[in-house]
Every structure is written in structure tokens, then in C-alpha cells.
Protein backbone atom coordinates (compact mmCIF):
# COMPACT_ATOMS: atom_id res chain seq x y z
CA UNK A 1 -0.25 0.03 -0.28
CA UNK A 2 1.17 3.01 -0.69
CA UNK A 3 1.06 5.83 1.95
CA UNK A 4 0.03 9.53 0.88
CA UNK A 5 0.19 12.65 3.79
CA UNK A 6 -2.39 15.34 2.88
CA UNK A 7 -1.12 18.51 0.36
CA UNK A 8 -3.08 20.80 1.84
CA UNK A 9 -3.37 22.34 -1.67
CA UNK A 10 -7.11 22.58 -2.42
CA UNK A 11 -8.37 19.68 -5.00
CA UNK A 12 -4.94 18.02 -5.49
CA UNK A 13 -5.37 14.94 -2.92
CA UNK A 14 -8.42 14.55 -6.01
CA UNK A 15 -6.52 14.70 -8.86
CA UNK A 16 -4.15 12.44 -7.95
CA UNK A 17 -6.72 9.63 -5.79
CA UNK A 18 -5.45 6.38 -7.59
CA UNK A 19 -8.63 5.03 -7.93
CA UNK A 20 -6.89 1.35 -7.18
CA UNK A 21 -6.94 -0.92 -4.16
CA UNK A 22 -3.04 0.55 -3.49
CA UNK A 23 -4.13 3.65 -1.93
CA UNK A 24 -7.23 3.07 -0.57
CA UNK A 25 -9.05 5.46 -2.32
CA UNK A 26 -6.36 8.83 -0.59
CA UNK A 27 -4.42 10.92 -2.23
CA UNK A 28 -1.97 13.41 -1.89
CA UNK A 29 1.55 12.89 -2.04
CA UNK A 30 3.38 9.55 -1.08
CA UNK A 31 5.50 9.70 2.43
CA UNK A 32 9.15 9.94 2.57
CA UNK A 33 9.18 10.87 -0.91
CA UNK A 34 10.45 13.64 -2.71
CA UNK A 35 9.25 15.91 -5.28
CA UNK A 36 9.83 18.65 -8.02
CA UNK A 37 7.65 21.35 -8.58
CA UNK A 38 8.84 22.91 -12.40
CA UNK A 39 7.77 25.40 -14.52
CA UNK A 40 8.31 28.92 -16.10
CA UNK A 41 8.38 31.53 -13.21
CA UNK A 42 5.63 32.91 -11.40
CA UNK A 43 3.71 30.32 -12.12
CA UNK A 44 2.73 29.34 -8.23
CA UNK A 45 5.68 27.13 -7.43
CA UNK A 46 5.95 29.08 -4.16
CA UNK A 47 2.45 29.13 -3.67
CA UNK A 48 2.43 25.60 -3.97
CA UNK A 49 5.24 25.34 -1.24
CA UNK A 50 3.65 27.45 1.16
CA UNK A 51 0.73 25.12 1.22
CA UNK A 52 2.00 22.48 1.84
CA UNK A 53 4.50 23.55 4.79
CA UNK A 54 1.23 24.99 6.03
CA UNK A 55 -1.41 22.06 6.50
CA UNK A 56 1.94 19.97 7.53
CA UNK A 57 1.97 22.62 10.16
CA UNK A 58 -1.40 22.80 11.49
CA UNK A 59 -1.23 18.12 11.62
CA UNK A 60 1.66 19.00 14.15
CA UNK A 61 4.26 18.03 11.60
CA UNK A 62 6.51 20.19 11.63
CA UNK A 63 8.51 21.53 8.77
CA UNK A 64 12.00 22.31 7.34
CA UNK A 65 12.49 25.24 5.44
CA UNK A 66 14.84 26.06 3.06
CA UNK A 67 15.10 29.66 1.15
CA UNK A 68 16.78 30.77 -1.61
CA UNK A 69 14.52 33.79 -3.08
CA UNK A 70 12.51 34.95 0.10
CA UNK A 71 13.79 36.68 3.16
CA UNK A 72 12.21 35.10 6.60
CA UNK A 73 10.21 38.41 6.71
CA UNK A 74 8.98 38.07 3.24
CA UNK A 75 7.72 34.59 3.32
CA UNK A 76 6.23 35.84 6.35
CA UNK A 77 4.31 39.00 5.14
CA UNK A 78 2.90 36.05 1.79
CA UNK A 79 1.84 33.82 4.41
CA UNK A 80 -0.13 36.54 6.31
CA UNK A 81 -1.49 37.54 2.82
CA UNK A 82 -3.27 34.02 1.97
CA UNK A 83 -4.40 34.75 5.27
CA UNK A 84 -1.93 31.73 7.33
CA UNK A 85 0.35 33.52 10.36
CA UNK A 86 3.35 31.88 11.31
CA UNK A 87 4.09 33.24 14.82
CA UNK A 88 2.19 30.24 16.63
CA UNK A 89 4.51 27.74 14.60
CA UNK A 90 7.82 29.16 15.20
CA UNK A 91 7.47 29.76 18.63
CA UNK A 92 6.85 25.84 19.14
CA UNK A 93 9.47 25.09 17.00
CA UNK A 94 7.85 23.82 14.36
CA UNK A 95 9.19 25.30 11.39
CA UNK A 96 12.78 25.05 11.27
CA UNK A 97 14.07 28.17 8.54
CA UNK A 98 17.61 27.97 6.60
CA UNK A 99 17.98 31.04 5.09
CA UNK A 100 20.01 31.97 2.41
CA UNK A 101 18.03 34.75 0.92
CA UNK A 102 18.61 36.98 3.63
CA UNK A 103 20.62 37.69 6.97
CA UNK A 104 17.56 38.57 9.30
CA UNK A 105 19.36 40.05 12.87
CA UNK A 106 16.42 40.25 14.44
CA UNK A 107 15.52 36.50 13.53
CA UNK A 108 19.30 35.14 14.45
CA UNK A 109 18.38 35.40 18.04
CA UNK A 110 15.85 32.09 17.58
CA UNK A 111 17.06 28.26 17.27
CA UNK A 112 14.07 28.20 14.68
CA UNK A 113 16.32 30.14 12.12
CA UNK A 114 19.70 29.50 10.72
CA UNK A 115 21.65 31.91 8.20
CA UNK A 116 23.42 30.39 5.07
CA UNK A 117 25.38 32.04 1.95
CA UNK A 118 23.83 31.06 -1.17
CA UNK A 119 27.32 30.17 -2.40
CA UNK A 120 28.05 28.02 0.60
CA UNK A 121 26.42 24.78 -0.36
CA UNK A 122 28.55 22.89 2.23
CA UNK A 123 27.23 25.10 5.24
CA UNK A 124 23.80 24.43 3.63
CA UNK A 125 23.65 20.73 3.66
CA UNK A 126 25.26 20.97 7.68
CA UNK A 127 22.36 23.62 8.58
CA UNK A 128 19.71 20.99 7.34
CA UNK A 129 20.84 18.05 7.78
CA UNK A 130 20.64 19.02 11.35
CA UNK A 131 17.29 20.46 11.03
CA UNK A 132 16.40 17.26 10.09
CA UNK A 133 18.01 15.32 12.91
CA UNK A 134 16.61 17.95 15.08
CA UNK A 135 13.50 17.91 14.24
CA UNK A 136 13.05 13.88 14.08
CA UNK A 137 13.64 13.33 16.94
CA UNK A 138 11.01 15.18 18.23
CA UNK A 139 8.12 13.60 15.28
CA UNK A 140 8.53 10.54 12.94
CA UNK A 141 6.69 12.68 10.41
CA UNK A 142 7.64 16.02 9.43
CA UNK A 143 8.18 18.07 5.71
CA UNK A 144 11.09 19.58 3.77
CA UNK A 145 10.99 22.78 1.43
CA UNK A 146 13.37 23.83 -1.24
CA UNK A 147 12.30 27.44 -2.38
CA UNK A 148 13.89 27.29 -4.72
CA UNK A 149 17.16 25.38 -6.10
CA UNK A 150 17.76 28.34 -9.04
CA UNK A 151 19.22 30.18 -7.02
CA UNK A 152 21.67 27.61 -5.85
CA UNK A 153 22.59 26.38 -9.57
CA UNK A 154 23.11 30.11 -10.30
CA UNK A 155 25.09 30.78 -7.35
CA UNK A 156 27.28 27.48 -8.09
CA UNK A 157 28.42 25.04 -9.77
CA UNK A 158 26.19 23.37 -11.66
CA UNK A 159 27.42 19.45 -11.04
CA UNK A 160 28.51 20.61 -7.52
CA UNK A 161 24.91 21.07 -6.52
CA UNK A 162 23.65 18.03 -8.40
CA UNK A 163 25.94 15.90 -5.62
CA UNK A 164 24.81 18.46 -3.26
CA UNK A 165 21.06 17.73 -3.71
CA UNK A 166 21.85 13.89 -3.82
CA UNK A 167 23.22 14.14 -0.37
CA UNK A 168 20.06 16.35 1.09
CA UNK A 169 17.96 13.62 -0.24
CA UNK A 170 19.17 11.46 1.45
CA UNK A 171 19.73 13.08 4.85
CA UNK A 172 16.03 13.88 3.85
CA UNK A 173 14.26 10.46 3.67
CA UNK A 174 16.53 9.09 6.72
CA UNK A 175 14.49 11.20 8.57
CA UNK A 176 11.56 10.28 7.83
CA UNK A 177 10.14 13.53 5.75
CA UNK A 178 7.91 14.36 2.69
CA UNK A 179 9.66 17.20 0.79
CA UNK A 180 9.23 19.13 -2.30
CA UNK A 181 11.97 21.13 -4.45
CA UNK A 182 11.12 24.18 -6.49
CA UNK A 183 13.05 24.74 -9.54
CA UNK A 184 12.48 27.30 -12.67
CA UNK A 185 12.15 25.30 -16.17
CA UNK A 186 15.06 26.10 -18.48
CA UNK A 187 17.31 27.76 -16.21
CA UNK A 188 20.20 24.99 -16.33
CA UNK A 189 21.81 23.08 -18.91
CA UNK A 190 19.35 20.87 -20.20
CA UNK A 191 21.51 17.83 -18.71
CA UNK A 192 21.58 19.23 -15.25
CA UNK A 193 17.55 19.33 -15.73
CA UNK A 194 17.74 15.77 -16.64
CA UNK A 195 20.03 14.81 -13.24
CA UNK A 196 17.68 16.30 -10.93
CA UNK A 197 14.37 15.54 -12.24
CA UNK A 198 15.94 11.64 -12.15
CA UNK A 199 16.93 12.02 -8.30
CA UNK A 200 13.32 12.84 -7.44
CA UNK A 201 10.13 10.33 -6.63
CA UNK A 202 7.79 12.89 -8.33
CA UNK A 203 7.49 15.51 -11.04
CA UNK A 204 5.04 17.53 -11.35
CA UNK A 205 4.69 21.04 -13.38
CA UNK A 206 2.83 24.28 -13.81
CA UNK A 207 2.60 26.25 -16.56
CA UNK A 208 0.27 29.52 -15.13
CA UNK A 209 -3.20 27.63 -16.34
CA UNK A 210 -1.95 23.53 -15.66
CA UNK A 211 -1.16 21.42 -13.02
CA UNK A 212 0.22 18.42 -15.11
CA UNK A 213 1.87 15.03 -12.79
CA UNK A 214 4.57 13.75 -14.88
CA UNK A 215 5.54 11.10 -12.60
CA UNK A 216 4.09 9.89 -9.30
CA UNK A 217 4.29 6.53 -7.62
CA UNK A 218 1.24 5.32 -7.78
CA UNK A 219 -0.67 6.67 -9.95
CA UNK A 220 -0.71 7.72 -14.16
CA UNK A 221 -0.13 10.46 -15.85
CA UNK A 222 -2.64 13.53 -14.85
CA UNK A 223 -3.70 17.07 -15.77
CA UNK A 224 -5.67 19.38 -14.49
CA UNK A 225 -6.34 23.63 -14.25
CA UNK A 226 -5.60 25.78 -11.58
CA UNK A 227 -5.68 28.62 -10.33
CA UNK A 228 -4.18 31.54 -7.92
CA UNK A 229 -6.41 32.64 -5.48
CA UNK A 230 -5.39 35.00 -2.16
CA UNK A 231 -5.68 31.73 -0.45
CA UNK A 232 -3.54 29.81 -2.52
CA UNK A 233 -3.68 27.25 -5.82
CA UNK A 234 -6.67 25.81 -6.31
CA UNK A 235 -6.98 23.08 -8.70
CA UNK A 236 -9.65 22.41 -10.94
CA UNK A 237 -11.30 19.04 -11.86
CA UNK A 238 -9.08 16.39 -14.09
CA UNK A 239 -8.44 17.27 -17.29
CA UNK A 240 -8.18 13.40 -17.99
């Protein structure tokens, strides 16, 4: 049986229902897998991460959130804009942030916040591994987010980042995490993109109008239209 966790994205779990006995009719993201969310810029990839992370927090599933595009203050504001408030989860150490986009002196005083340089992937890996280990000791189920892999690739040698990503995925799976990674389509060498896709378990493409499940454990290819609303991504019925 494929165990799935609820995504927190409106309509996604219905879209990913396998319709057979293997999943007991339950949709969502397969547990302890890594999902690549990719597509052109500004199509809702970060929105997907926000919904995925926040829903987990409401279910007492802590989240390790590596951000490379937005600092912690901008992320908090984006959540507030979606009427999702992080304060409680930060205070309770349910959300662990590794910030490679900014160096927030105020947040640095808290142990849920770690600042790193996007140009130092080794340090990123050390802090992510430490965070995942710390969280997993307190909770058997956790969520992980990288938003986005694109910025790390642009700031470093691509093959180095591919090796670091492989280790990152291994560490998260060892910790029992279910993770999503965002990537901007066409932003790296085509060979690098192929390697990235080969390392993940599930592949989802967003294009601003349609979400396509290109690969996912237990289900075939599926498509549906979606909208980006003030409360996040809303997926319409299955187009198949």
C-alpha cells in the first residue's frame, strides 16, 4: 500500500487519487518521497510550497524550510497575505527556517532560524542535515521544502549542486521527511535538468494554467487546470 499525506493544496488530493486498492482511495503526496515542482517563472511554485508546509504545521507535522529567494520576513508576509499566520508555529519550533536569501538579525536570536550564504552549499547542507535530525528526534513525520533550487544552481557550479542535492535528498529521507523542491524550467543546462528529475520520486509541472503530474508513485500522468487565488493554489477537476 502506498501511504500518502494530505498536500494542503485545494483539489490536489482529489487529482492524485489512484482509484485502486493500493492507495485505499486516498490522494496526496506519497510519504517519504521528494517531489519536484517545476515550470516557468511566476506560475505558483512558491504558493504550492506555502500550502504544503502550512497544512503540515496544522497537522502537527514540523517543516524544514530552505529558502533562497525570499527572506524570512517576506515569507511571513506572504503567508499573512494568504491568511496563514506563522507566529505560533515559529514560537513552538515547528517551523525550522534555513535562510539563504537574507540575514535577519532579529530572527538570528532564535534557534528555529539559521542564516546561510547561497554560495556556500556545504554550509547549507550541514544546517539542513542538522535541522532534519533535530526535528526527526521529536516527530516521526516531517515536511521539507527547498524554494528554490534555481538560485543555488545559478550561484554555484551545477555539478557540485547536483551532488549536494543527492545528499540532501538522502538525509531528508533518512529523517522520514516528505519534501518538495521548486525549480525554474530552463534555468540550467538541459543535462543538469535531466539529472535533477532522475533524483526525485515525483515530478509536477505548473505552467500558469495547468498542473501536470508527470510522474508520481502509484498513479499515471494526470492534468488539471488551476488558479492562483488569495488563499493559494486551487486545482479544478481532472482533465483526463
